[in-house]
Structures are given as C-alpha cells and as structure tokens.
C-alpha cells in the first residue's frame, strides 16, 4: 500500500461495480452516490487513463511544456527581478515573484 499501514480502512460489504468482486474494506467511507471498484479494477483504470505515465502522478492529461515569456520586471511586493513568466503580462495588474505569489495564495 502506498500510504503505509497507518491509513484508516473502513469495513464495508460491497460488490465491485465493474467485475462483481466482493469488497470488504476501503481506504474511504463510501457515500453511496458513486460506484465503488475493487483494487484490481481501480488500478487498471488508473494505469490506462491519459497521463498515467507521469512518474506515478495521477490526475491529468499529458500536457505540452508550458510556454514561457522573457520579461524584465520587478516583483510588485519585494522588488525581486523577474526574467521569465508563464504568461505575457498586460501591464494592468501587478506581477509577483514566485515566493510572493505563493505567500499571497497561502494567506
């Protein structure tokens, strides 16, 4: 198990929505509004979906490398030089360095 033995498991008495196998425990409490799959069917689904070969990271489609724009700006918060951005600034909003942007996002 990827999360170690300390992960909470819930005792259930369910049937896999795909193959019909009996499921006796899950790492989550099912809500009843979604189908539940056994570990084999879930693993096969994750392996076959787009983006599954991204170093074990799940959750997405393969993306092309992000276009970066060369700029010569200063961070609106701390004044750090900014030489590259993942967007073309329009000048109507302040631009922040990575550290200041993350601090603003995290409150």
PDB file of N, CA and C in Angstrom:
ATOM      1  N   UNK A   1       0.843  -1.168   0.000  1.00  0.00           N
ATOM      2  CA  UNK A   1       0.000   0.000   0.000  1.00  0.00           C
ATOM      3  C   UNK A   1       0.890   1.233   0.000  1.00  0.00           C
ATOM      4  N   UNK A   2       0.572   2.204  -0.823  1.00  0.00           N
ATOM      5  CA  UNK A   2       1.402   3.387  -0.981  1.00  0.00           C
ATOM      6  C   UNK A   2       1.408   4.287   0.243  1.00  0.00           C
ATOM      7  N   UNK A   3       0.408   4.218   1.076  1.00  0.00           N
ATOM      8  CA  UNK A   3       0.296   5.130   2.194  1.00  0.00           C
ATOM      9  C   UNK A   3       0.755   4.525   3.504  1.00  0.00           C
ATOM     10  N   UNK A   4       1.248   3.311   3.489  1.00  0.00           N
ATOM     11  CA  UNK A   4       1.716   2.673   4.708  1.00  0.00           C
ATOM     12  C   UNK A   4       0.577   2.022   5.465  1.00  0.00           C
ATOM     13  N   UNK A   5       0.914   1.401   6.577  1.00  0.00           N
ATOM     14  CA  UNK A   5      -0.077   0.638   7.326  1.00  0.00           C
ATOM     15  C   UNK A   5      -0.913   1.500   8.260  1.00  0.00           C
ATOM     16  N   UNK A   6      -0.591   2.773   8.405  1.00  0.00           N
ATOM     17  CA  UNK A   6      -1.337   3.615   9.326  1.00  0.00           C
ATOM     18  C   UNK A   6      -2.568   4.261   8.692  1.00  0.00           C
ATOM     19  N   UNK A   7      -2.847   3.957   7.455  1.00  0.00           N
ATOM     20  CA  UNK A   7      -4.011   4.525   6.782  1.00  0.00           C
ATOM     21  C   UNK A   7      -5.285   3.888   7.312  1.00  0.00           C
ATOM     22  N   UNK A   8      -6.266   4.716   7.623  1.00  0.00           N
ATOM     23  CA  UNK A   8      -7.529   4.207   8.149  1.00  0.00           C
ATOM     24  C   UNK A   8      -8.287   3.462   7.061  1.00  0.00           C
ATOM     25  N   UNK A   9      -8.785   2.296   7.402  1.00  0.00           N
ATOM     26  CA  UNK A   9      -9.585   1.490   6.488  1.00  0.00           C
ATOM     27  C   UNK A   9     -10.991   1.367   7.055  1.00  0.00           C
ATOM     28  N   UNK A  10     -11.973   1.329   6.174  1.00  0.00           N
ATOM     29  CA  UNK A  10     -13.366   1.212   6.567  1.00  0.00           C
ATOM     30  C   UNK A  10     -13.887  -0.161   6.169  1.00  0.00           C
ATOM     31  N   UNK A  11     -14.521  -0.851   7.101  1.00  0.00           N
ATOM     32  CA  UNK A  11     -15.124  -2.153   6.813  1.00  0.00           C
ATOM     33  C   UNK A  11     -16.420  -1.931   6.043  1.00  0.00           C
ATOM     34  N   UNK A  12     -16.539  -2.622   4.906  1.00  0.00           N
ATOM     35  CA  UNK A  12     -17.731  -2.500   4.065  1.00  0.00           C
ATOM     36  C   UNK A  12     -18.129  -3.880   3.567  1.00  0.00           C
ATOM     37  N   UNK A  13     -19.287  -3.980   3.021  1.00  0.00           N
ATOM     38  CA  UNK A  13     -19.771  -5.211   2.396  1.00  0.00           C
ATOM     39  C   UNK A  13     -20.371  -4.802   1.058  1.00  0.00           C
ATOM     40  N   UNK A  14     -19.484  -4.643   0.048  1.00  0.00           N
ATOM     41  CA  UNK A  14     -19.895  -4.126  -1.254  1.00  0.00           C
ATOM     42  C   UNK A  14     -19.430  -5.044  -2.374  1.00  0.00           C
ATOM     43  N   UNK A  15     -19.916  -4.769  -3.554  1.00  0.00           N
ATOM     44  CA  UNK A  15     -19.535  -5.504  -4.756  1.00  0.00           C
ATOM     45  C   UNK A  15     -18.943  -4.521  -5.745  1.00  0.00           C
ATOM     46  N   UNK A  16     -17.839  -4.892  -6.381  1.00  0.00           N
ATOM     47  CA  UNK A  16     -17.191  -4.051  -7.378  1.00  0.00           C
ATOM     48  C   UNK A  16     -18.177  -3.770  -8.512  1.00  0.00           C
ATOM     49  N   UNK A  17     -18.305  -2.507  -8.897  1.00  0.00           N
ATOM     50  CA  UNK A  17     -19.234  -2.105  -9.950  1.00  0.00           C
ATOM     51  C   UNK A  17     -18.804  -2.592 -11.328  1.00  0.00           C
ATOM     52  N   UNK A  18     -17.551  -2.995 -11.471  1.00  0.00           N
ATOM     53  CA  UNK A  18     -17.085  -3.433 -12.783  1.00  0.00           C
ATOM     54  C   UNK A  18     -17.032  -4.958 -12.913  1.00  0.00           C
ATOM     55  N   UNK A  19     -16.381  -5.629 -11.958  1.00  0.00           N
ATOM     56  CA  UNK A  19     -16.167  -7.073 -12.115  1.00  0.00           C
ATOM     57  C   UNK A  19     -17.018  -7.921 -11.177  1.00  0.00           C
ATOM     58  N   UNK A  20     -17.670  -7.306 -10.203  1.00  0.00           N
ATOM     59  CA  UNK A  20     -18.521  -8.052  -9.283  1.00  0.00           C
ATOM     60  C   UNK A  20     -17.801  -8.678  -8.101  1.00  0.00           C
ATOM     61  N   UNK A  21     -16.509  -8.402  -7.935  1.00  0.00           N
ATOM     62  CA  UNK A  21     -15.753  -8.972  -6.814  1.00  0.00           C
ATOM     63  C   UNK A  21     -16.246  -8.376  -5.495  1.00  0.00           C
ATOM     64  N   UNK A  22     -16.151  -9.166  -4.435  1.00  0.00           N
ATOM     65  CA  UNK A  22     -16.556  -8.703  -3.109  1.00  0.00           C
ATOM     66  C   UNK A  22     -15.500  -7.754  -2.556  1.00  0.00           C
ATOM     67  N   UNK A  23     -15.948  -6.651  -1.954  1.00  0.00           N
ATOM     68  CA  UNK A  23     -15.054  -5.666  -1.334  1.00  0.00           C
ATOM     69  C   UNK A  23     -15.397  -5.628   0.142  1.00  0.00           C
ATOM     70  N   UNK A  24     -14.390  -5.893   0.987  1.00  0.00           N
ATOM     71  CA  UNK A  24     -14.642  -5.932   2.430  1.00  0.00           C
ATOM     72  C   UNK A  24     -14.048  -4.741   3.175  1.00  0.00           C
ATOM     73  N   UNK A  25     -13.092  -4.027   2.553  1.00  0.00           N
ATOM     74  CA  UNK A  25     -12.546  -2.830   3.195  1.00  0.00           C
ATOM     75  C   UNK A  25     -12.095  -1.838   2.140  1.00  0.00           C
ATOM     76  N   UNK A  26     -12.208  -0.559   2.505  1.00  0.00           N
ATOM     77  CA  UNK A  26     -11.831   0.531   1.603  1.00  0.00           C
ATOM     78  C   UNK A  26     -11.071   1.594   2.392  1.00  0.00           C
ATOM     79  N   UNK A  27     -10.205   2.378   1.714  1.00  0.00           N
ATOM     80  CA  UNK A  27      -9.482   3.449   2.397  1.00  0.00           C
ATOM     81  C   UNK A  27     -10.326   4.724   2.522  1.00  0.00           C
ATOM     82  N   UNK A  28     -11.619   4.628   2.266  1.00  0.00           N
ATOM     83  CA  UNK A  28     -12.531   5.757   2.406  1.00  0.00           C
ATOM     84  C   UNK A  28     -13.908   5.224   2.760  1.00  0.00           C
ATOM     85  N   UNK A  29     -14.748   6.089   3.287  1.00  0.00           N
ATOM     86  CA  UNK A  29     -16.128   5.717   3.607  1.00  0.00           C
ATOM     87  C   UNK A  29     -16.976   6.022   2.381  1.00  0.00           C
ATOM     88  N   UNK A  30     -17.508   5.011   1.702  1.00  0.00           N
ATOM     89  CA  UNK A  30     -18.305   5.286   0.505  1.00  0.00           C
ATOM     90  C   UNK A  30     -19.584   6.033   0.861  1.00  0.00           C
ATOM     91  N   UNK A  31     -19.969   6.963  -0.009  1.00  0.00           N
ATOM     92  CA  UNK A  31     -21.150   7.776   0.249  1.00  0.00           C
ATOM     93  C   UNK A  31     -22.416   7.150  -0.318  1.00  0.00           C
ATOM     94  N   UNK A  32     -22.264   6.215  -1.264  1.00  0.00           N
ATOM     95  CA  UNK A  32     -23.418   5.559  -1.849  1.00  0.00           C
ATOM     96  C   UNK A  32     -23.897   6.203  -3.134  1.00  0.00           C
ATOM     97  N   UNK A  33     -23.378   7.379  -3.475  1.00  0.00           N
ATOM     98  CA  UNK A  33     -23.824   8.038  -4.698  1.00  0.00           C
ATOM     99  C   UNK A  33     -22.895   7.808  -5.892  1.00  0.00           C
ATOM    100  N   UNK A  34     -21.833   7.019  -5.695  1.00  0.00           N
ATOM    101  CA  UNK A  34     -20.895   6.709  -6.778  1.00  0.00           C
ATOM    102  C   UNK A  34     -20.601   5.218  -6.771  1.00  0.00           C
ATOM    103  N   UNK A  35     -20.261   4.670  -7.934  1.00  0.00           N
ATOM    104  CA  UNK A  35     -19.886   3.261  -7.961  1.00  0.00           C
ATOM    105  C   UNK A  35     -18.553   3.052  -7.239  1.00  0.00           C
ATOM    106  N   UNK A  36     -18.361   1.870  -6.684  1.00  0.00           N
ATOM    107  CA  UNK A  36     -17.133   1.518  -5.979  1.00  0.00           C
ATOM    108  C   UNK A  36     -16.479   0.370  -6.731  1.00  0.00           C
ATOM    109  N   UNK A  37     -15.159   0.441  -6.886  1.00  0.00           N
ATOM    110  CA  UNK A  37     -14.415  -0.557  -7.635  1.00  0.00           C
ATOM    111  C   UNK A  37     -13.402  -1.259  -6.733  1.00  0.00           C
ATOM    112  N   UNK A  38     -13.130  -2.515  -7.030  1.00  0.00           N
ATOM    113  CA  UNK A  38     -12.118  -3.259  -6.284  1.00  0.00           C
ATOM    114  C   UNK A  38     -10.739  -2.699  -6.631  1.00  0.00           C
ATOM    115  N   UNK A  39      -9.739  -3.066  -5.861  1.00  0.00           N
ATOM    116  CA  UNK A  39      -8.403  -2.513  -6.078  1.00  0.00           C
ATOM    117  C   UNK A  39      -7.846  -2.891  -7.450  1.00  0.00           C
ATOM    118  N   UNK A  40      -8.148  -4.094  -7.946  1.00  0.00           N
ATOM    119  CA  UNK A  40      -7.645  -4.502  -9.263  1.00  0.00           C
ATOM    120  C   UNK A  40      -8.254  -3.649 -10.383  1.00  0.00           C
ATOM    121  N   UNK A  41      -9.566  -3.436 -10.338  1.00  0.00           N
ATOM    122  CA  UNK A  41     -10.229  -2.627 -11.364  1.00  0.00           C
ATOM    123  C   UNK A  41      -9.795  -1.160 -11.263  1.00  0.00           C
ATOM    124  N   UNK A  42      -9.644  -0.669 -10.048  1.00  0.00           N
ATOM    125  CA  UNK A  42      -9.203   0.706  -9.854  1.00  0.00           C
ATOM    126  C   UNK A  42      -7.780   0.895 -10.377  1.00  0.00           C
ATOM    127  N   UNK A  43      -6.893  -0.045 -10.091  1.00  0.00           N
ATOM    128  CA  UNK A  43      -5.505   0.009 -10.566  1.00  0.00           C
ATOM    129  C   UNK A  43      -5.469  -0.029 -12.095  1.00  0.00           C
ATOM    130  N   UNK A  44      -6.280  -0.893 -12.722  1.00  0.00           N
ATOM    131  CA  UNK A  44      -6.310  -0.989 -14.184  1.00  0.00           C
ATOM    132  C   UNK A  44      -6.817   0.318 -14.792  1.00  0.00           C
ATOM    133  N   UNK A  45      -7.810   0.921 -14.172  1.00  0.00           N
ATOM    134  CA  UNK A  45      -8.344   2.187 -14.668  1.00  0.00           C
ATOM    135  C   UNK A  45      -7.278   3.281 -14.610  1.00  0.00           C
ATOM    136  N   UNK A  46      -6.581   3.393 -13.479  1.00  0.00           N
ATOM    137  CA  UNK A  46      -5.553   4.419 -13.334  1.00  0.00           C
ATOM    138  C   UNK A  46      -4.406   4.202 -14.305  1.00  0.00           C
ATOM    139  N   UNK A  47      -4.047   2.942 -14.563  1.00  0.00           N
ATOM    140  CA  UNK A  47      -2.939   2.629 -15.468  1.00  0.00           C
ATOM    141  C   UNK A  47      -3.281   3.002 -16.908  1.00  0.00           C
ATOM    142  N   UNK A  48      -4.548   2.835 -17.302  1.00  0.00           N
ATOM    143  CA  UNK A  48      -4.958   3.029 -18.687  1.00  0.00           C
ATOM    144  C   UNK A  48      -5.363   4.452 -19.048  1.00  0.00           C
ATOM    145  N   UNK A  49      -5.528   5.321 -18.062  1.00  0.00           N
ATOM    146  CA  UNK A  49      -6.010   6.653 -18.408  1.00  0.00           C
ATOM    147  C   UNK A  49      -4.870   7.553 -18.866  1.00  0.00           C
ATOM    148  N   UNK A  50      -5.200   8.601 -19.634  1.00  0.00           N
ATOM    149  CA  UNK A  50      -4.166   9.512 -20.138  1.00  0.00           C
ATOM    150  C   UNK A  50      -3.404  10.164 -18.995  1.00  0.00           C
ATOM    151  N   UNK A  51      -2.090  10.304 -19.167  1.00  0.00           N
ATOM    152  CA  UNK A  51      -1.267  10.936 -18.148  1.00  0.00           C
ATOM    153  C   UNK A  51      -0.773   9.990 -17.078  1.00  0.00           C
ATOM    154  N   UNK A  52      -1.072   8.697 -17.203  1.00  0.00           N
ATOM    155  CA  UNK A  52      -0.707   7.740 -16.164  1.00  0.00           C
ATOM    156  C   UNK A  52       0.787   7.452 -16.115  1.00  0.00           C
ATOM    157  N   UNK A  53       1.528   7.827 -17.138  1.00  0.00           N
ATOM    158  CA  UNK A  53       2.960   7.539 -17.166  1.00  0.00           C
ATOM    159  C   UNK A  53       3.796   8.723 -16.700  1.00  0.00           C
ATOM    160  N   UNK A  54       3.239   9.591 -15.879  1.00  0.00           N
ATOM    161  CA  UNK A  54       3.945  10.792 -15.440  1.00  0.00           C
ATOM    162  C   UNK A  54       4.611  10.585 -14.093  1.00  0.00           C
ATOM    163  N   UNK A  55       5.430   9.581 -13.973  1.00  0.00           N
ATOM    164  CA  UNK A  55       6.199   9.381 -12.756  1.00  0.00           C
ATOM    165  C   UNK A  55       5.349   9.070 -11.544  1.00  0.00           C
ATOM    166  N   UNK A  56       4.261   8.367 -11.738  1.00  0.00           N
ATOM    167  CA  UNK A  56       3.409   7.990 -10.631  1.00  0.00           C
ATOM    168  C   UNK A  56       2.399   9.051 -10.250  1.00  0.00           C
ATOM    169  N   UNK A  57       2.473  10.210 -10.857  1.00  0.00           N
ATOM    170  CA  UNK A  57       1.498  11.255 -10.564  1.00  0.00           C
ATOM    171  C   UNK A  57       0.248  10.997 -11.377  1.00  0.00           C
ATOM    172  N   UNK A  58      -0.866  11.149 -10.743  1.00  0.00           N
ATOM    173  CA  UNK A  58      -2.122  10.945 -11.442  1.00  0.00           C
ATOM    174  C   UNK A  58      -2.821  12.275 -11.627  1.00  0.00           C
ATOM    175  N   UNK A  59      -3.940  12.224 -12.302  1.00  0.00           N
ATOM    176  CA  UNK A  59      -4.799  13.377 -12.336  1.00  0.00           C
ATOM    177  C   UNK A  59      -4.610  14.287 -13.519  1.00  0.00           C
ATOM    178  N   UNK A  60      -4.510  13.739 -14.697  1.00  0.00           N
ATOM    179  CA  UNK A  60      -4.481  14.691 -15.783  1.00  0.00           C
ATOM    180  C   UNK A  60      -4.073  14.114 -17.097  1.00  0.00           C
ATOM    181  N   UNK A  61      -4.176  14.965 -18.074  1.00  0.00           N
ATOM    182  CA  UNK A  61      -3.820  14.599 -19.419  1.00  0.00           C
ATOM    183  C   UNK A  61      -2.391  15.044 -19.669  1.00  0.00           C
ATOM    184  N   UNK A  62      -1.757  14.421 -20.643  1.00  0.00           N
ATOM    185  CA  UNK A  62      -0.407  14.836 -20.992  1.00  0.00           C
ATOM    186  C   UNK A  62      -0.470  16.258 -21.526  1.00  0.00           C
ATOM    187  N   UNK A  63       0.416  17.087 -21.054  1.00  0.00           N
ATOM    188  CA  UNK A  63       0.437  18.472 -21.485  1.00  0.00           C
ATOM    189  C   UNK A  63       1.756  18.775 -22.163  1.00  0.00           C
ATOM    190  N   UNK A  64       1.686  19.684 -23.100  1.00  0.00           N
ATOM    191  CA  UNK A  64       2.905  20.162 -23.744  1.00  0.00           C
ATOM    192  C   UNK A  64       3.634  21.056 -22.745  1.00  0.00           C
ATOM    193  N   UNK A  65       4.935  21.213 -22.888  1.00  0.00           N
ATOM    194  CA  UNK A  65       5.650  22.127 -21.993  1.00  0.00           C
ATOM    195  C   UNK A  65       5.026  23.526 -22.067  1.00  0.00           C
ATOM    196  N   UNK A  66       4.947  24.171 -20.938  1.00  0.00           N
ATOM    197  CA  UNK A  66       4.323  25.481 -20.863  1.00  0.00           C
ATOM    198  C   UNK A  66       5.208  26.530 -21.529  1.00  0.00           C
ATOM    199  N   UNK A  67       4.582  27.388 -22.331  1.00  0.00           N
ATOM    200  CA  UNK A  67       5.330  28.463 -22.968  1.00  0.00           C
ATOM    201  C   UNK A  67       5.720  29.488 -21.924  1.00  0.00           C
ATOM    202  N   UNK A  68       6.969  29.908 -21.950  1.00  0.00           N
ATOM    203  CA  UNK A  68       7.462  30.918 -21.023  1.00  0.00           C
ATOM    204  C   UNK A  68       7.785  32.193 -21.806  1.00  0.00           C
ATOM    205  N   UNK A  69       7.592  33.326 -21.155  1.00  0.00           N
ATOM    206  CA  UNK A  69       7.831  34.618 -21.775  1.00  0.00           C
ATOM    207  C   UNK A  69       8.985  35.309 -21.061  1.00  0.00           C
ATOM    208  N   UNK A  70       9.937  35.804 -21.830  1.00  0.00           N
ATOM    209  CA  UNK A  70      11.059  36.558 -21.267  1.00  0.00           C
ATOM    210  C   UNK A  70      10.579  37.973 -20.965  1.00  0.00           C
ATOM    211  N   UNK A  71      10.836  38.423 -19.738  1.00  0.00           N
ATOM    212  CA  UNK A  71      10.426  39.759 -19.301  1.00  0.00           C
ATOM    213  C   UNK A  71      11.562  40.399 -18.514  1.00  0.00           C
ATOM    214  N   UNK A  72      11.442  41.661 -18.264  1.00  0.00           N
ATOM    215  CA  UNK A  72      12.393  42.385 -17.432  1.00  0.00           C
ATOM    216  C   UNK A  72      11.567  43.229 -16.465  1.00  0.00           C
ATOM    217  N   UNK A  73      11.068  42.591 -15.396  1.00  0.00           N
ATOM    218  CA  UNK A  73      10.179  43.229 -14.438  1.00  0.00           C
ATOM    219  C   UNK A  73      10.710  43.068 -13.023  1.00  0.00           C
ATOM    220  N   UNK A  74      10.102  43.791 -12.100  1.00  0.00           N
ATOM    221  CA  UNK A  74      10.386  43.647 -10.681  1.00  0.00           C
ATOM    222  C   UNK A  74       9.114  43.207  -9.990  1.00  0.00           C
ATOM    223  N   UNK A  75       9.251  42.370  -8.976  1.00  0.00           N
ATOM    224  CA  UNK A  75       8.115  41.912  -8.186  1.00  0.00           C
ATOM    225  C   UNK A  75       7.432  43.116  -7.541  1.00  0.00           C
ATOM    226  N   UNK A  76       6.111  43.183  -7.633  1.00  0.00           N
ATOM    227  CA  UNK A  76       5.349  44.297  -7.068  1.00  0.00           C
ATOM    228  C   UNK A  76       5.389  44.295  -5.544  1.00  0.00           C
ATOM    229  N   UNK A  77       5.771  43.177  -4.940  1.00  0.00           N
ATOM    230  CA  UNK A  77       5.790  43.072  -3.472  1.00  0.00           C
ATOM    231  C   UNK A  77       7.188  43.311  -2.900  1.00  0.00           C
ATOM    232  N   UNK A  78       8.181  42.567  -3.397  1.00  0.00           N
ATOM    233  CA  UNK A  78       9.514  42.611  -2.776  1.00  0.00           C
ATOM    234  C   UNK A  78      10.593  43.228  -3.661  1.00  0.00           C
ATOM    235  N   UNK A  79      10.289  43.458  -4.928  1.00  0.00           N
ATOM    236  CA  UNK A  79      11.260  44.081  -5.820  1.00  0.00           C
ATOM    237  C   UNK A  79      12.231  43.138  -6.499  1.00  0.00           C
ATOM    238  N   UNK A  80      12.104  41.827  -6.251  1.00  0.00           N
ATOM    239  CA  UNK A  80      12.984  40.844  -6.880  1.00  0.00           C
ATOM    240  C   UNK A  80      12.847  40.920  -8.398  1.00  0.00           C
ATOM    241  N   UNK A  81      13.966  40.772  -9.105  1.00  0.00           N
ATOM    242  CA  UNK A  81      13.944  40.783 -10.567  1.00  0.00           C
ATOM    243  C   UNK A  81      13.209  39.548 -11.090  1.00  0.00           C
ATOM    244  N   UNK A  82      12.357  39.761 -12.055  1.00  0.00           N
ATOM    245  CA  UNK A  82      11.616  38.669 -12.713  1.00  0.00           C
ATOM    246  C   UNK A  82      12.035  38.674 -14.175  1.00  0.00           C
ATOM    247  N   UNK A  83      12.577  37.544 -14.639  1.00  0.00           N
ATOM    248  CA  UNK A  83      13.061  37.464 -16.016  1.00  0.00           C
ATOM    249  C   UNK A  83      12.231  36.539 -16.890  1.00  0.00           C
ATOM    250  N   UNK A  84      11.380  35.721 -16.253  1.00  0.00           N
ATOM    251  CA  UNK A  84      10.604  34.761 -17.034  1.00  0.00           C
ATOM    252  C   UNK A  84       9.258  34.527 -16.360  1.00  0.00           C
ATOM    253  N   UNK A  85       8.195  34.482 -17.164  1.00  0.00           N
ATOM    254  CA  UNK A  85       6.844  34.253 -16.656  1.00  0.00           C
ATOM    255  C   UNK A  85       6.124  33.247 -17.547  1.00  0.00           C
ATOM    256  N   UNK A  86       5.150  32.509 -16.986  1.00  0.00           N
ATOM    257  CA  UNK A  86       4.369  31.569 -17.793  1.00  0.00           C
ATOM    258  C   UNK A  86       3.204  32.255 -18.513  1.00  0.00           C
ATOM    259  N   UNK A  87       3.185  33.579 -18.533  1.00  0.00           N
ATOM    260  CA  UNK A  87       2.151  34.342 -19.227  1.00  0.00           C
ATOM    261  C   UNK A  87       2.756  35.660 -19.697  1.00  0.00           C
ATOM    262  N   UNK A  88       2.108  36.277 -20.647  1.00  0.00           N
ATOM    263  CA  UNK A  88       2.552  37.579 -21.142  1.00  0.00           C
ATOM    264  C   UNK A  88       1.828  38.650 -20.328  1.00  0.00           C
ATOM    265  N   UNK A  89       2.541  39.404 -19.486  1.00  0.00           N
ATOM    266  CA  UNK A  89       1.871  40.421 -18.680  1.00  0.00           C
ATOM    267  C   UNK A  89       1.303  41.537 -19.558  1.00  0.00           C
ATOM    268  N   UNK A  90       0.149  42.049 -19.149  1.00  0.00           N
ATOM    269  CA  UNK A  90      -0.511  43.096 -19.928  1.00  0.00           C
ATOM    270  C   UNK A  90      -0.268  44.479 -19.347  1.00  0.00           C
ATOM    271  N   UNK A  91       0.251  44.558 -18.126  1.00  0.00           N
ATOM    272  CA  UNK A  91       0.548  45.837 -17.518  1.00  0.00           C
ATOM    273  C   UNK A  91      -0.584  46.396 -16.668  1.00  0.00           C
ATOM    274  N   UNK A  92      -1.754  45.756 -16.695  1.00  0.00           N
ATOM    275  CA  UNK A  92      -2.884  46.273 -15.922  1.00  0.00           C
ATOM    276  C   UNK A  92      -2.994  45.655 -14.527  1.00  0.00           C
ATOM    277  N   UNK A  93      -2.158  44.658 -14.229  1.00  0.00           N
ATOM    278  CA  UNK A  93      -2.167  44.008 -12.915  1.00  0.00           C
ATOM    279  C   UNK A  93      -0.736  43.884 -12.407  1.00  0.00           C
ATOM    280  N   UNK A  94      -0.557  43.885 -11.083  1.00  0.00           N
ATOM    281  CA  UNK A  94       0.797  43.710 -10.546  1.00  0.00           C
ATOM    282  C   UNK A  94       1.327  42.310 -10.825  1.00  0.00           C
ATOM    283  N   UNK A  95       2.625  42.201 -10.942  1.00  0.00           N
ATOM    284  CA  UNK A  95       3.276  40.912 -11.176  1.00  0.00           C
ATOM    285  C   UNK A  95       4.141  40.606  -9.960  1.00  0.00           C
ATOM    286  N   UNK A  96       4.038  39.361  -9.459  1.00  0.00           N
ATOM    287  CA  UNK A  96       4.760  38.948  -8.261  1.00  0.00           C
ATOM    288  C   UNK A  96       5.748  37.839  -8.589  1.00  0.00           C
ATOM    289  N   UNK A  97       6.861  37.789  -7.849  1.00  0.00           N
ATOM    290  CA  UNK A  97       7.805  36.681  -7.982  1.00  0.00           C
ATOM    291  C   UNK A  97       7.134  35.422  -7.436  1.00  0.00           C
ATOM    292  N   UNK A  98       7.746  34.288  -7.665  1.00  0.00           N
ATOM    293  CA  UNK A  98       7.158  33.016  -7.236  1.00  0.00           C
ATOM    294  C   UNK A  98       6.924  32.970  -5.731  1.00  0.00           C
ATOM    295  N   UNK A  99       7.899  33.412  -4.943  1.00  0.00           N
ATOM    296  CA  UNK A  99       7.778  33.356  -3.481  1.00  0.00           C
ATOM    297  C   UNK A  99       6.632  34.239  -2.989  1.00  0.00           C
ATOM    298  N   UNK A 100       6.537  35.447  -3.530  1.00  0.00           N
ATOM    299  CA  UNK A 100       5.466  36.344  -3.101  1.00  0.00           C
ATOM    300  C   UNK A 100       4.093  35.838  -3.562  1.00  0.00           C
ATOM    301  N   UNK A 101       4.035  35.272  -4.750  1.00  0.00           N
ATOM    302  CA  UNK A 101       2.763  34.738  -5.248  1.00  0.00           C
ATOM    303  C   UNK A 101       2.304  33.583  -4.365  1.00  0.00           C
ATOM    304  N   UNK A 102       3.213  32.694  -3.976  1.00  0.00           N
ATOM    305  CA  UNK A 102       2.836  31.575  -3.120  1.00  0.00           C
ATOM    306  C   UNK A 102       2.400  32.085  -1.737  1.00  0.00           C
ATOM    307  N   UNK A 103       3.077  33.087  -1.225  1.00  0.00           N
ATOM    308  CA  UNK A 103       2.697  33.652   0.078  1.00  0.00           C
ATOM    309  C   UNK A 103       1.311  34.288   0.004  1.00  0.00           C
ATOM    310  N   UNK A 104       0.994  34.941  -1.094  1.00  0.00           N
ATOM    311  CA  UNK A 104      -0.317  35.558  -1.271  1.00  0.00           C
ATOM    312  C   UNK A 104      -1.408  34.476  -1.368  1.00  0.00           C
ATOM    313  N   UNK A 105      -1.109  33.396  -2.067  1.00  0.00           N
ATOM    314  CA  UNK A 105      -2.088  32.289  -2.201  1.00  0.00           C
ATOM    315  C   UNK A 105      -2.370  31.611  -0.870  1.00  0.00           C
ATOM    316  N   UNK A 106      -1.337  31.442  -0.061  1.00  0.00           N
ATOM    317  CA  UNK A 106      -1.477  30.737   1.208  1.00  0.00           C
ATOM    318  C   UNK A 106      -1.957  31.624   2.340  1.00  0.00           C
ATOM    319  N   UNK A 107      -2.245  32.867   2.039  1.00  0.00           N
ATOM    320  CA  UNK A 107      -2.843  33.753   3.011  1.00  0.00           C
ATOM    321  C   UNK A 107      -1.875  34.368   3.911  1.00  0.00           C
TER     322      UNK A 107
END
